[in-house]
Amino acid sequence: MKYEAPAPISRDEAEKVFTHGSPPEIGEALYRVTHHERDWEWVEKWCIKFCKNPDPSVRVVAVNCLGELAHIHRDKKLKRVIPVLKELLNDTPEVAYEARGALEDLEIFLTPKSN
């Protein structure tokens, strides 16, 4: 299996999907903006919103994208999502699994390395 990077998506297109798309479409659009949108705080807001989505598949993608944001941007302000992720540890097994992984990503990518 060959990895294919997600294609870019405009904010306008993503927001249309976020508002009117199906769960798989929302997940794909969220993943695409996570990897291509420079304004990671805009993406973070959408991720947090989708962490409360009634569909667990959307919550899984949102949580995964929060971990990806930490990996890609490594900005300490991302630590503000920790309470959201900790709350999701009590969600469905799939969501809780992703929340644990995202918390680990934040720990790894947002903690300064000691020499």
PDB file of N, CA and C in Angstrom:
ATOM      1  N   MET A   1       0.832  -1.172   0.000  1.00  0.00           N
ATOM      2  CA  MET A   1       0.000   0.000   0.000  1.00  0.00           C
ATOM      3  C   MET A   1       0.877   1.236   0.000  1.00  0.00           C
ATOM      4  N   LYS A   2       0.579   2.166  -0.879  1.00  0.00           N
ATOM      5  CA  LYS A   2       1.364   3.391  -1.009  1.00  0.00           C
ATOM      6  C   LYS A   2       0.644   4.545  -0.321  1.00  0.00           C
ATOM      7  N   TYR A   3       1.390   5.300   0.492  1.00  0.00           N
ATOM      8  CA  TYR A   3       0.823   6.468   1.163  1.00  0.00           C
ATOM      9  C   TYR A   3       0.576   7.569   0.147  1.00  0.00           C
ATOM     10  N   GLU A   4      -0.587   8.176   0.230  1.00  0.00           N
ATOM     11  CA  GLU A   4      -0.900   9.324  -0.600  1.00  0.00           C
ATOM     12  C   GLU A   4      -1.225  10.489   0.323  1.00  0.00           C
ATOM     13  N   ALA A   5      -0.497  11.578   0.151  1.00  0.00           N
ATOM     14  CA  ALA A   5      -0.728  12.761   0.970  1.00  0.00           C
ATOM     15  C   ALA A   5      -2.110  13.331   0.653  1.00  0.00           C
ATOM     16  N   PRO A   6      -2.775  13.879   1.663  1.00  0.00           N
ATOM     17  CA  PRO A   6      -4.088  14.474   1.401  1.00  0.00           C
ATOM     18  C   PRO A   6      -3.953  15.704   0.504  1.00  0.00           C
ATOM     19  N   ALA A   7      -4.920  15.882  -0.364  1.00  0.00           N
ATOM     20  CA  ALA A   7      -4.917  17.035  -1.269  1.00  0.00           C
ATOM     21  C   ALA A   7      -5.318  18.289  -0.501  1.00  0.00           C
ATOM     22  N   PRO A   8      -4.782  19.430  -0.901  1.00  0.00           N
ATOM     23  CA  PRO A   8      -5.209  20.682  -0.263  1.00  0.00           C
ATOM     24  C   PRO A   8      -6.701  20.938  -0.495  1.00  0.00           C
ATOM     25  N   ILE A   9      -7.274  21.747   0.376  1.00  0.00           N
ATOM     26  CA  ILE A   9      -8.676  22.156   0.264  1.00  0.00           C
ATOM     27  C   ILE A   9      -8.760  23.597   0.762  1.00  0.00           C
ATOM     28  N   SER A  10      -9.556  24.411   0.085  1.00  0.00           N
ATOM     29  CA  SER A  10      -9.699  25.804   0.510  1.00  0.00           C
ATOM     30  C   SER A  10     -10.539  25.876   1.778  1.00  0.00           C
ATOM     31  N   ARG A  11     -10.405  26.971   2.499  1.00  0.00           N
ATOM     32  CA  ARG A  11     -11.214  27.169   3.699  1.00  0.00           C
ATOM     33  C   ARG A  11     -12.701  27.181   3.353  1.00  0.00           C
ATOM     34  N   ASP A  12     -13.043  27.890   2.273  1.00  0.00           N
ATOM     35  CA  ASP A  12     -14.454  27.980   1.885  1.00  0.00           C
ATOM     36  C   ASP A  12     -15.030  26.601   1.593  1.00  0.00           C
ATOM     37  N   GLU A  13     -14.282  25.815   0.842  1.00  0.00           N
ATOM     38  CA  GLU A  13     -14.747  24.471   0.505  1.00  0.00           C
ATOM     39  C   GLU A  13     -14.861  23.622   1.777  1.00  0.00           C
ATOM     40  N   ALA A  14     -13.861  23.715   2.638  1.00  0.00           N
ATOM     41  CA  ALA A  14     -13.886  22.946   3.884  1.00  0.00           C
ATOM     42  C   ALA A  14     -15.081  23.352   4.743  1.00  0.00           C
ATOM     43  N   GLU A  15     -15.344  24.638   4.868  1.00  0.00           N
ATOM     44  CA  GLU A  15     -16.457  25.096   5.697  1.00  0.00           C
ATOM     45  C   GLU A  15     -17.796  24.623   5.147  1.00  0.00           C
ATOM     46  N   LYS A  16     -17.927  24.553   3.831  1.00  0.00           N
ATOM     47  CA  LYS A  16     -19.157  24.013   3.237  1.00  0.00           C
ATOM     48  C   LYS A  16     -19.328  22.552   3.638  1.00  0.00           C
ATOM     49  N   VAL A  17     -18.238  21.802   3.565  1.00  0.00           N
ATOM     50  CA  VAL A  17     -18.298  20.387   3.957  1.00  0.00           C
ATOM     51  C   VAL A  17     -18.582  20.270   5.448  1.00  0.00           C
ATOM     52  N   PHE A  18     -17.922  21.100   6.257  1.00  0.00           N
ATOM     53  CA  PHE A  18     -18.124  21.045   7.701  1.00  0.00           C
ATOM     54  C   PHE A  18     -19.584  21.329   8.073  1.00  0.00           C
ATOM     55  N   THR A  19     -20.242  22.170   7.281  1.00  0.00           N
ATOM     56  CA  THR A  19     -21.619  22.561   7.563  1.00  0.00           C
ATOM     57  C   THR A  19     -22.640  21.583   6.990  1.00  0.00           C
ATOM     58  N   HIS A  20     -22.365  21.055   5.789  1.00  0.00           N
ATOM     59  CA  HIS A  20     -23.381  20.271   5.086  1.00  0.00           C
ATOM     60  C   HIS A  20     -22.944  18.853   4.700  1.00  0.00           C
ATOM     61  N   GLY A  21     -21.712  18.480   5.016  1.00  0.00           N
ATOM     62  CA  GLY A  21     -21.207  17.192   4.553  1.00  0.00           C
ATOM     63  C   GLY A  21     -21.611  16.018   5.422  1.00  0.00           C
ATOM     64  N   SER A  22     -21.422  14.845   4.869  1.00  0.00           N
ATOM     65  CA  SER A  22     -21.646  13.601   5.610  1.00  0.00           C
ATOM     66  C   SER A  22     -20.453  13.369   6.538  1.00  0.00           C
ATOM     67  N   PRO A  23     -20.583  12.483   7.519  1.00  0.00           N
ATOM     68  CA  PRO A  23     -19.438  12.205   8.397  1.00  0.00           C
ATOM     69  C   PRO A  23     -18.147  11.847   7.643  1.00  0.00           C
ATOM     70  N   PRO A  24     -18.182  10.970   6.625  1.00  0.00           N
ATOM     71  CA  PRO A  24     -16.923  10.695   5.917  1.00  0.00           C
ATOM     72  C   PRO A  24     -16.357  11.928   5.198  1.00  0.00           C
ATOM     73  N   GLU A  25     -17.229  12.758   4.655  1.00  0.00           N
ATOM     74  CA  GLU A  25     -16.772  13.975   3.972  1.00  0.00           C
ATOM     75  C   GLU A  25     -16.164  14.961   4.968  1.00  0.00           C
ATOM     76  N   ILE A  26     -16.805  15.092   6.120  1.00  0.00           N
ATOM     77  CA  ILE A  26     -16.279  15.978   7.166  1.00  0.00           C
ATOM     78  C   ILE A  26     -14.898  15.494   7.602  1.00  0.00           C
ATOM     79  N   GLY A  27     -14.769  14.193   7.842  1.00  0.00           N
ATOM     80  CA  GLY A  27     -13.478  13.647   8.269  1.00  0.00           C
ATOM     81  C   GLY A  27     -12.385  13.902   7.254  1.00  0.00           C
ATOM     82  N   GLU A  28     -12.700  13.685   5.983  1.00  0.00           N
ATOM     83  CA  GLU A  28     -11.700  13.908   4.935  1.00  0.00           C
ATOM     84  C   GLU A  28     -11.310  15.378   4.853  1.00  0.00           C
ATOM     85  N   ALA A  29     -12.297  16.274   4.895  1.00  0.00           N
ATOM     86  CA  ALA A  29     -12.002  17.708   4.822  1.00  0.00           C
ATOM     87  C   ALA A  29     -11.175  18.158   6.023  1.00  0.00           C
ATOM     88  N   LEU A  30     -11.509  17.652   7.206  1.00  0.00           N
ATOM     89  CA  LEU A  30     -10.758  18.022   8.408  1.00  0.00           C
ATOM     90  C   LEU A  30      -9.320  17.545   8.309  1.00  0.00           C
ATOM     91  N   TYR A  31      -9.129  16.336   7.832  1.00  0.00           N
ATOM     92  CA  TYR A  31      -7.776  15.804   7.656  1.00  0.00           C
ATOM     93  C   TYR A  31      -6.992  16.641   6.642  1.00  0.00           C
ATOM     94  N   ARG A  32      -7.664  17.046   5.575  1.00  0.00           N
ATOM     95  CA  ARG A  32      -6.997  17.835   4.535  1.00  0.00           C
ATOM     96  C   ARG A  32      -6.570  19.205   5.058  1.00  0.00           C
ATOM     97  N   VAL A  33      -7.448  19.899   5.807  1.00  0.00           N
ATOM     98  CA  VAL A  33      -7.040  21.208   6.330  1.00  0.00           C
ATOM     99  C   VAL A  33      -5.976  21.060   7.401  1.00  0.00           C
ATOM    100  N   THR A  34      -6.023  19.971   8.152  1.00  0.00           N
ATOM    101  CA  THR A  34      -4.986  19.739   9.165  1.00  0.00           C
ATOM    102  C   THR A  34      -3.608  19.720   8.524  1.00  0.00           C
ATOM    103  N   HIS A  35      -3.514  19.153   7.347  1.00  0.00           N
ATOM    104  CA  HIS A  35      -2.216  19.002   6.688  1.00  0.00           C
ATOM    105  C   HIS A  35      -1.829  20.155   5.762  1.00  0.00           C
ATOM    106  N   HIS A  36      -2.769  21.050   5.458  1.00  0.00           N
ATOM    107  CA  HIS A  36      -2.434  22.102   4.486  1.00  0.00           C
ATOM    108  C   HIS A  36      -2.738  23.521   4.925  1.00  0.00           C
ATOM    109  N   GLU A  37      -3.591  23.715   5.899  1.00  0.00           N
ATOM    110  CA  GLU A  37      -3.953  25.069   6.322  1.00  0.00           C
ATOM    111  C   GLU A  37      -2.868  25.622   7.243  1.00  0.00           C
ATOM    112  N   ARG A  38      -2.382  26.807   6.905  1.00  0.00           N
ATOM    113  CA  ARG A  38      -1.324  27.416   7.726  1.00  0.00           C
ATOM    114  C   ARG A  38      -1.840  27.921   9.069  1.00  0.00           C
ATOM    115  N   ASP A  39      -3.086  28.340   9.100  1.00  0.00           N
ATOM    116  CA  ASP A  39      -3.684  28.847  10.336  1.00  0.00           C
ATOM    117  C   ASP A  39      -4.168  27.663  11.168  1.00  0.00           C
ATOM    118  N   TRP A  40      -3.241  27.066  11.892  1.00  0.00           N
ATOM    119  CA  TRP A  40      -3.569  25.863  12.646  1.00  0.00           C
ATOM    120  C   TRP A  40      -4.588  26.132  13.743  1.00  0.00           C
ATOM    121  N   GLU A  41      -4.664  27.375  14.233  1.00  0.00           N
ATOM    122  CA  GLU A  41      -5.645  27.680  15.278  1.00  0.00           C
ATOM    123  C   GLU A  41      -7.078  27.627  14.726  1.00  0.00           C
ATOM    124  N   TRP A  42      -7.247  27.996  13.471  1.00  0.00           N
ATOM    125  CA  TRP A  42      -8.545  27.848  12.808  1.00  0.00           C
ATOM    126  C   TRP A  42      -8.910  26.367  12.723  1.00  0.00           C
ATOM    127  N   VAL A  43      -7.939  25.555  12.342  1.00  0.00           N
ATOM    128  CA  VAL A  43      -8.162  24.100  12.261  1.00  0.00           C
ATOM    129  C   VAL A  43      -8.465  23.545  13.651  1.00  0.00           C
ATOM    130  N   GLU A  44      -7.714  23.979  14.638  1.00  0.00           N
ATOM    131  CA  GLU A  44      -7.920  23.517  16.008  1.00  0.00           C
ATOM    132  C   GLU A  44      -9.351  23.778  16.465  1.00  0.00           C
ATOM    133  N   LYS A  45      -9.891  24.955  16.155  1.00  0.00           N
ATOM    134  CA  LYS A  45     -11.273  25.283  16.552  1.00  0.00           C
ATOM    135  C   LYS A  45     -12.263  24.298  15.939  1.00  0.00           C
ATOM    136  N   TRP A  46     -12.055  23.960  14.676  1.00  0.00           N
ATOM    137  CA  TRP A  46     -12.933  22.989  14.032  1.00  0.00           C
ATOM    138  C   TRP A  46     -12.759  21.609  14.669  1.00  0.00           C
ATOM    139  N   CYS A  47     -11.540  21.238  14.953  1.00  0.00           N
ATOM    140  CA  CYS A  47     -11.299  19.939  15.594  1.00  0.00           C
ATOM    141  C   CYS A  47     -12.026  19.855  16.931  1.00  0.00           C
ATOM    142  N   ILE A  48     -11.921  20.898  17.730  1.00  0.00           N
ATOM    143  CA  ILE A  48     -12.580  20.914  19.032  1.00  0.00           C
ATOM    144  C   ILE A  48     -14.096  20.800  18.854  1.00  0.00           C
ATOM    145  N   LYS A  49     -14.623  21.538  17.884  1.00  0.00           N
ATOM    146  CA  LYS A  49     -16.064  21.451  17.616  1.00  0.00           C
ATOM    147  C   LYS A  49     -16.447  20.015  17.262  1.00  0.00           C
ATOM    148  N   PHE A  50     -15.660  19.375  16.389  1.00  0.00           N
ATOM    149  CA  PHE A  50     -16.001  18.029  15.949  1.00  0.00           C
ATOM    150  C   PHE A  50     -15.705  16.963  16.999  1.00  0.00           C
ATOM    151  N   CYS A  51     -14.966  17.306  18.033  1.00  0.00           N
ATOM    152  CA  CYS A  51     -14.786  16.369  19.146  1.00  0.00           C
ATOM    153  C   CYS A  51     -16.101  16.151  19.890  1.00  0.00           C
ATOM    154  N   LYS A  52     -17.077  17.015  19.639  1.00  0.00           N
ATOM    155  CA  LYS A  52     -18.391  16.910  20.273  1.00  0.00           C
ATOM    156  C   LYS A  52     -19.455  16.435  19.292  1.00  0.00           C
ATOM    157  N   ASN A  53     -19.062  16.040  18.104  1.00  0.00           N
ATOM    158  CA  ASN A  53     -20.005  15.586  17.084  1.00  0.00           C
ATOM    159  C   ASN A  53     -20.686  14.291  17.528  1.00  0.00           C
ATOM    160  N   PRO A  54     -21.957  14.123  17.222  1.00  0.00           N
ATOM    161  CA  PRO A  54     -22.632  12.889  17.637  1.00  0.00           C
ATOM    162  C   PRO A  54     -22.099  11.626  16.964  1.00  0.00           C
ATOM    163  N   ASP A  55     -21.453  11.768  15.825  1.00  0.00           N
ATOM    164  CA  ASP A  55     -20.937  10.596  15.109  1.00  0.00           C
ATOM    165  C   ASP A  55     -19.537  10.256  15.608  1.00  0.00           C
ATOM    166  N   PRO A  56     -19.339   9.056  16.163  1.00  0.00           N
ATOM    167  CA  PRO A  56     -18.007   8.710  16.695  1.00  0.00           C
ATOM    168  C   PRO A  56     -16.919   8.711  15.633  1.00  0.00           C
ATOM    169  N   SER A  57     -17.247   8.430  14.375  1.00  0.00           N
ATOM    170  CA  SER A  57     -16.207   8.438  13.339  1.00  0.00           C
ATOM    171  C   SER A  57     -15.668   9.851  13.126  1.00  0.00           C
ATOM    172  N   VAL A  58     -16.521  10.855  13.270  1.00  0.00           N
ATOM    173  CA  VAL A  58     -16.078  12.251  13.151  1.00  0.00           C
ATOM    174  C   VAL A  58     -15.216  12.607  14.358  1.00  0.00           C
ATOM    175  N   ARG A  59     -15.617  12.159  15.543  1.00  0.00           N
ATOM    176  CA  ARG A  59     -14.815  12.434  16.745  1.00  0.00           C
ATOM    177  C   ARG A  59     -13.437  11.800  16.637  1.00  0.00           C
ATOM    178  N   VAL A  60     -13.371  10.598  16.100  1.00  0.00           N
ATOM    179  CA  VAL A  60     -12.080   9.916  15.924  1.00  0.00           C
ATOM    180  C   VAL A  60     -11.156  10.758  15.039  1.00  0.00           C
ATOM    181  N   VAL A  61     -11.662  11.224  13.924  1.00  0.00           N
ATOM    182  CA  VAL A  61     -10.831  12.022  13.013  1.00  0.00           C
ATOM    183  C   VAL A  61     -10.427  13.334  13.675  1.00  0.00           C
ATOM    184  N   ALA A  62     -11.362  13.987  14.363  1.00  0.00           N
ATOM    185  CA  ALA A  62     -11.051  15.256  15.021  1.00  0.00           C
ATOM    186  C   ALA A  62      -9.941  15.095  16.046  1.00  0.00           C
ATOM    187  N   VAL A  63     -10.025  14.048  16.837  1.00  0.00           N
ATOM    188  CA  VAL A  63      -9.004  13.778  17.857  1.00  0.00           C
ATOM    189  C   VAL A  63      -7.664  13.481  17.192  1.00  0.00           C
ATOM    190  N   ASN A  64      -7.689  12.657  16.173  1.00  0.00           N
ATOM    191  CA  ASN A  64      -6.466  12.332  15.444  1.00  0.00           C
ATOM    192  C   ASN A  64      -5.838  13.594  14.855  1.00  0.00           C
ATOM    193  N   CYS A  65      -6.659  14.479  14.339  1.00  0.00           N
ATOM    194  CA  CYS A  65      -6.147  15.718  13.747  1.00  0.00           C
ATOM    195  C   CYS A  65      -5.510  16.631  14.804  1.00  0.00           C
ATOM    196  N   LEU A  66      -6.035  16.615  16.023  1.00  0.00           N
ATOM    197  CA  LEU A  66      -5.391  17.402  17.084  1.00  0.00           C
ATOM    198  C   LEU A  66      -3.977  16.890  17.352  1.00  0.00           C
ATOM    199  N   GLY A  67      -3.807  15.587  17.352  1.00  0.00           N
ATOM    200  CA  GLY A  67      -2.464  15.021  17.506  1.00  0.00           C
ATOM    201  C   GLY A  67      -1.568  15.386  16.334  1.00  0.00           C
ATOM    202  N   GLU A  68      -2.140  15.364  15.135  1.00  0.00           N
ATOM    203  CA  GLU A  68      -1.378  15.744  13.934  1.00  0.00           C
ATOM    204  C   GLU A  68      -0.946  17.209  13.995  1.00  0.00           C
ATOM    205  N   LEU A  69      -1.835  18.081  14.489  1.00  0.00           N
ATOM    206  CA  LEU A  69      -1.476  19.497  14.615  1.00  0.00           C
ATOM    207  C   LEU A  69      -0.264  19.667  15.524  1.00  0.00           C
ATOM    208  N   ALA A  70      -0.228  18.905  16.618  1.00  0.00           N
ATOM    209  CA  ALA A  70       0.929  18.975  17.520  1.00  0.00           C
ATOM    210  C   ALA A  70       2.188  18.518  16.803  1.00  0.00           C
ATOM    211  N   HIS A  71       2.071  17.463  16.029  1.00  0.00           N
ATOM    212  CA  HIS A  71       3.214  16.927  15.296  1.00  0.00           C
ATOM    213  C   HIS A  71       3.696  17.904  14.229  1.00  0.00           C
ATOM    214  N   ILE A  72       2.784  18.504  13.509  1.00  0.00           N
ATOM    215  CA  ILE A  72       3.137  19.392  12.395  1.00  0.00           C
ATOM    216  C   ILE A  72       3.630  20.748  12.886  1.00  0.00           C
ATOM    217  N   HIS A  73       2.922  21.350  13.850  1.00  0.00           N
ATOM    218  CA  HIS A  73       3.204  22.747  14.215  1.00  0.00           C
ATOM    219  C   HIS A  73       4.016  22.909  15.488  1.00  0.00           C
ATOM    220  N   ARG A  74       3.947  21.970  16.385  1.00  0.00           N
ATOM    221  CA  ARG A  74       4.742  21.979  17.621  1.00  0.00           C
ATOM    222  C   ARG A  74       4.631  23.274  18.421  1.00  0.00           C
ATOM    223  N   ASP A  75       3.456  23.848  18.439  1.00  0.00           N
ATOM    224  CA  ASP A  75       3.207  25.085  19.169  1.00  0.00           C
ATOM    225  C   ASP A  75       2.632  24.749  20.545  1.00  0.00           C
ATOM    226  N   LYS A  76       3.242  25.271  21.582  1.00  0.00           N
ATOM    227  CA  LYS A  76       2.832  24.961  22.951  1.00  0.00           C
ATOM    228  C   LYS A  76       1.394  25.374  23.254  1.00  0.00           C
ATOM    229  N   LYS A  77       0.843  26.322  22.485  1.00  0.00           N
ATOM    230  CA  LYS A  77      -0.549  26.724  22.707  1.00  0.00           C
ATOM    231  C   LYS A  77      -1.512  25.556  22.462  1.00  0.00           C
ATOM    232  N   LEU A  78      -1.059  24.556  21.737  1.00  0.00           N
ATOM    233  CA  LEU A  78      -1.908  23.388  21.488  1.00  0.00           C
ATOM    234  C   LEU A  78      -2.219  22.618  22.770  1.00  0.00           C
ATOM    235  N   LYS A  79      -1.447  22.868  23.827  1.00  0.00           N
ATOM    236  CA  LYS A  79      -1.707  22.169  25.095  1.00  0.00           C
ATOM    237  C   LYS A  79      -3.081  22.508  25.656  1.00  0.00           C
ATOM    238  N   ARG A  80      -3.695  23.583  25.143  1.00  0.00           N
ATOM    239  CA  ARG A  80      -5.029  23.952  25.641  1.00  0.00           C
ATOM    240  C   ARG A  80      -6.097  22.926  25.271  1.00  0.00           C
ATOM    241  N   VAL A  81      -5.776  22.000  24.373  1.00  0.00           N
ATOM    242  CA  VAL A  81      -6.759  20.967  23.997  1.00  0.00           C
ATOM    243  C   VAL A  81      -6.704  19.758  24.929  1.00  0.00           C
ATOM    244  N   ILE A  82      -5.772  19.737  25.849  1.00  0.00           N
ATOM    245  CA  ILE A  82      -5.633  18.591  26.751  1.00  0.00           C
ATOM    246  C   ILE A  82      -6.931  18.281  27.500  1.00  0.00           C
ATOM    247  N   PRO A  83      -7.644  19.275  28.068  1.00  0.00           N
ATOM    248  CA  PRO A  83      -8.894  18.941  28.757  1.00  0.00           C
ATOM    249  C   PRO A  83      -9.936  18.298  27.827  1.00  0.00           C
ATOM    250  N   VAL A  84      -9.994  18.747  26.585  1.00  0.00           N
ATOM    251  CA  VAL A  84     -10.921  18.165  25.611  1.00  0.00           C
ATOM    252  C   VAL A  84     -10.569  16.698  25.380  1.00  0.00           C
ATOM    253  N   LEU A  85      -9.286  16.427  25.194  1.00  0.00           N
ATOM    254  CA  LEU A  85      -8.840  15.060  24.942  1.00  0.00           C
ATOM    255  C   LEU A  85      -9.054  14.167  26.162  1.00  0.00           C
ATOM    256  N   LYS A  86      -8.789  14.702  27.345  1.00  0.00           N
ATOM    257  CA  LYS A  86      -8.982  13.902  28.563  1.00  0.00           C
ATOM    258  C   LYS A  86     -10.458  13.532  28.746  1.00  0.00           C
ATOM    259  N   GLU A  87     -11.342  14.446  28.396  1.00  0.00           N
ATOM    260  CA  GLU A  87     -12.772  14.153  28.493  1.00  0.00           C
ATOM    261  C   GLU A  87     -13.157  12.995  27.566  1.00  0.00           C
ATOM    262  N   LEU A  88     -12.496  12.922  26.411  1.00  0.00           N
ATOM    263  CA  LEU A  88     -12.811  11.882  25.436  1.00  0.00           C
ATOM    264  C   LEU A  88     -12.234  10.515  25.798  1.00  0.00           C
ATOM    265  N   LEU A  89     -11.442  10.444  26.846  1.00  0.00           N
ATOM    266  CA  LEU A  89     -10.949   9.148  27.321  1.00  0.00           C
ATOM    267  C   LEU A  89     -12.096   8.282  27.828  1.00  0.00           C
ATOM    268  N   ASN A  90     -13.253   8.904  28.079  1.00  0.00           N
ATOM    269  CA  ASN A  90     -14.438   8.181  28.553  1.00  0.00           C
ATOM    270  C   ASN A  90     -15.459   7.962  27.443  1.00  0.00           C
ATOM    271  N   ASP A  91     -15.066   8.169  26.222  1.00  0.00           N
ATOM    272  CA  ASP A  91     -15.946   8.029  25.063  1.00  0.00           C
ATOM    273  C   ASP A  91     -15.957   6.566  24.606  1.00  0.00           C
ATOM    274  N   THR A  92     -16.377   6.315  23.372  1.00  0.00           N
ATOM    275  CA  THR A  92     -16.354   4.957  22.830  1.00  0.00           C
ATOM    276  C   THR A  92     -14.911   4.444  22.832  1.00  0.00           C
ATOM    277  N   PRO A  93     -14.706   3.141  22.777  1.00  0.00           N
ATOM    278  CA  PRO A  93     -13.334   2.619  22.781  1.00  0.00           C
ATOM    279  C   PRO A  93     -12.461   3.205  21.658  1.00  0.00           C
ATOM    280  N   GLU A  94     -13.041   3.383  20.473  1.00  0.00           N
ATOM    281  CA  GLU A  94     -12.252   3.920  19.347  1.00  0.00           C
ATOM    282  C   GLU A  94     -11.849   5.364  19.596  1.00  0.00           C
ATOM    283  N   VAL A  95     -12.779   6.165  20.087  1.00  0.00           N
ATOM    284  CA  VAL A  95     -12.480   7.575  20.364  1.00  0.00           C
ATOM    285  C   VAL A  95     -11.468   7.674  21.510  1.00  0.00           C
ATOM    286  N   ALA A  96     -11.675   6.891  22.560  1.00  0.00           N
ATOM    287  CA  ALA A  96     -10.751   6.910  23.703  1.00  0.00           C
ATOM    288  C   ALA A  96      -9.346   6.502  23.281  1.00  0.00           C
ATOM    289  N   TYR A  97      -9.254   5.514  22.405  1.00  0.00           N
ATOM    290  CA  TYR A  97      -7.940   5.067  21.899  1.00  0.00           C
ATOM    291  C   TYR A  97      -7.237   6.220  21.179  1.00  0.00           C
ATOM    292  N   GLU A  98      -7.955   6.910  20.307  1.00  0.00           N
ATOM    293  CA  GLU A  98      -7.364   8.045  19.582  1.00  0.00           C
ATOM    294  C   GLU A  98      -7.015   9.188  20.530  1.00  0.00           C
ATOM    295  N   ALA A  99      -7.847   9.408  21.545  1.00  0.00           N
ATOM    296  CA  ALA A  99      -7.571  10.473  22.520  1.00  0.00           C
ATOM    297  C   ALA A  99      -6.271  10.184  23.268  1.00  0.00           C
ATOM    298  N   ARG A 100      -6.073   8.911  23.657  1.00  0.00           N
ATOM    299  CA  ARG A 100      -4.798   8.550  24.317  1.00  0.00           C
ATOM    300  C   ARG A 100      -3.624   8.819  23.383  1.00  0.00           C
ATOM    301  N   GLY A 101      -3.768   8.454  22.122  1.00  0.00           N
ATOM    302  CA  GLY A 101      -2.704   8.690  21.153  1.00  0.00           C
ATOM    303  C   GLY A 101      -2.428  10.164  20.948  1.00  0.00           C
ATOM    304  N   ALA A 102      -3.479  10.963  20.878  1.00  0.00           N
ATOM    305  CA  ALA A 102      -3.295  12.409  20.701  1.00  0.00           C
ATOM    306  C   ALA A 102      -2.620  13.022  21.928  1.00  0.00           C
ATOM    307  N   LEU A 103      -3.004  12.573  23.119  1.00  0.00           N
ATOM    308  CA  LEU A 103      -2.344  13.063  24.338  1.00  0.00           C
ATOM    309  C   LEU A 103      -0.860  12.698  24.334  1.00  0.00           C
ATOM    310  N   GLU A 104      -0.538  11.506  23.870  1.00  0.00           N
ATOM    311  CA  GLU A 104       0.868  11.118  23.746  1.00  0.00           C
ATOM    312  C   GLU A 104       1.594  12.005  22.731  1.00  0.00           C
ATOM    313  N   ASP A 105       0.933  12.302  21.609  1.00  0.00           N
ATOM    314  CA  ASP A 105       1.531  13.193  20.605  1.00  0.00           C
ATOM    315  C   ASP A 105       1.830  14.559  21.203  1.00  0.00           C
ATOM    316  N   LEU A 106       0.885  15.098  21.971  1.00  0.00           N
ATOM    317  CA  LEU A 106       1.110  16.397  22.591  1.00  0.00           C
ATOM    318  C   LEU A 106       2.293  16.329  23.547  1.00  0.00           C
ATOM    319  N   GLU A 107       2.372  15.249  24.309  1.00  0.00           N
ATOM    320  CA  GLU A 107       3.491  15.087  25.254  1.00  0.00           C
ATOM    321  C   GLU A 107       4.825  15.020  24.511  1.00  0.00           C
ATOM    322  N   ILE A 108       4.860  14.273  23.432  1.00  0.00           N
ATOM    323  CA  ILE A 108       6.098  14.086  22.674  1.00  0.00           C
ATOM    324  C   ILE A 108       6.498  15.371  21.944  1.00  0.00           C
ATOM    325  N   PHE A 109       5.566  15.956  21.236  1.00  0.00           N
ATOM    326  CA  PHE A 109       5.914  17.049  20.333  1.00  0.00           C
ATOM    327  C   PHE A 109       5.872  18.438  20.963  1.00  0.00           C
ATOM    328  N   LEU A 110       5.289  18.569  22.157  1.00  0.00           N
ATOM    329  CA  LEU A 110       5.196  19.883  22.772  1.00  0.00           C
ATOM    330  C   LEU A 110       6.021  20.011  24.038  1.00  0.00           C
ATOM    331  N   THR A 111       6.764  18.976  24.383  1.00  0.00           N
ATOM    332  CA  THR A 111       7.623  19.003  25.562  1.00  0.00           C
ATOM    333  C   THR A 111       9.057  19.244  25.101  1.00  0.00           C
ATOM    334  N   PRO A 112       9.697  20.260  25.670  1.00  0.00           N
ATOM    335  CA  PRO A 112      11.096  20.523  25.258  1.00  0.00           C
ATOM    336  C   PRO A 112      11.981  19.330  25.596  1.00  0.00           C
ATOM    337  N   LYS A 113      12.894  19.070  24.704  1.00  0.00           N
ATOM    338  CA  LYS A 113      13.867  17.991  24.914  1.00  0.00           C
ATOM    339  C   LYS A 113      14.960  18.489  25.854  1.00  0.00           C
ATOM    340  N   SER A 114      15.330  17.637  26.796  1.00  0.00           N
ATOM    341  CA  SER A 114      16.465  17.998  27.655  1.00  0.00           C
ATOM    342  C   SER A 114      17.728  17.439  27.028  1.00  0.00           C
ATOM    343  N   ASN A 115      18.802  18.158  27.141  1.00  0.00           N
ATOM    344  CA  ASN A 115      20.081  17.742  26.526  1.00  0.00           C
ATOM    345  C   ASN A 115      20.827  16.787  27.372  1.00  0.00           C
TER     346      ASN A 115
END
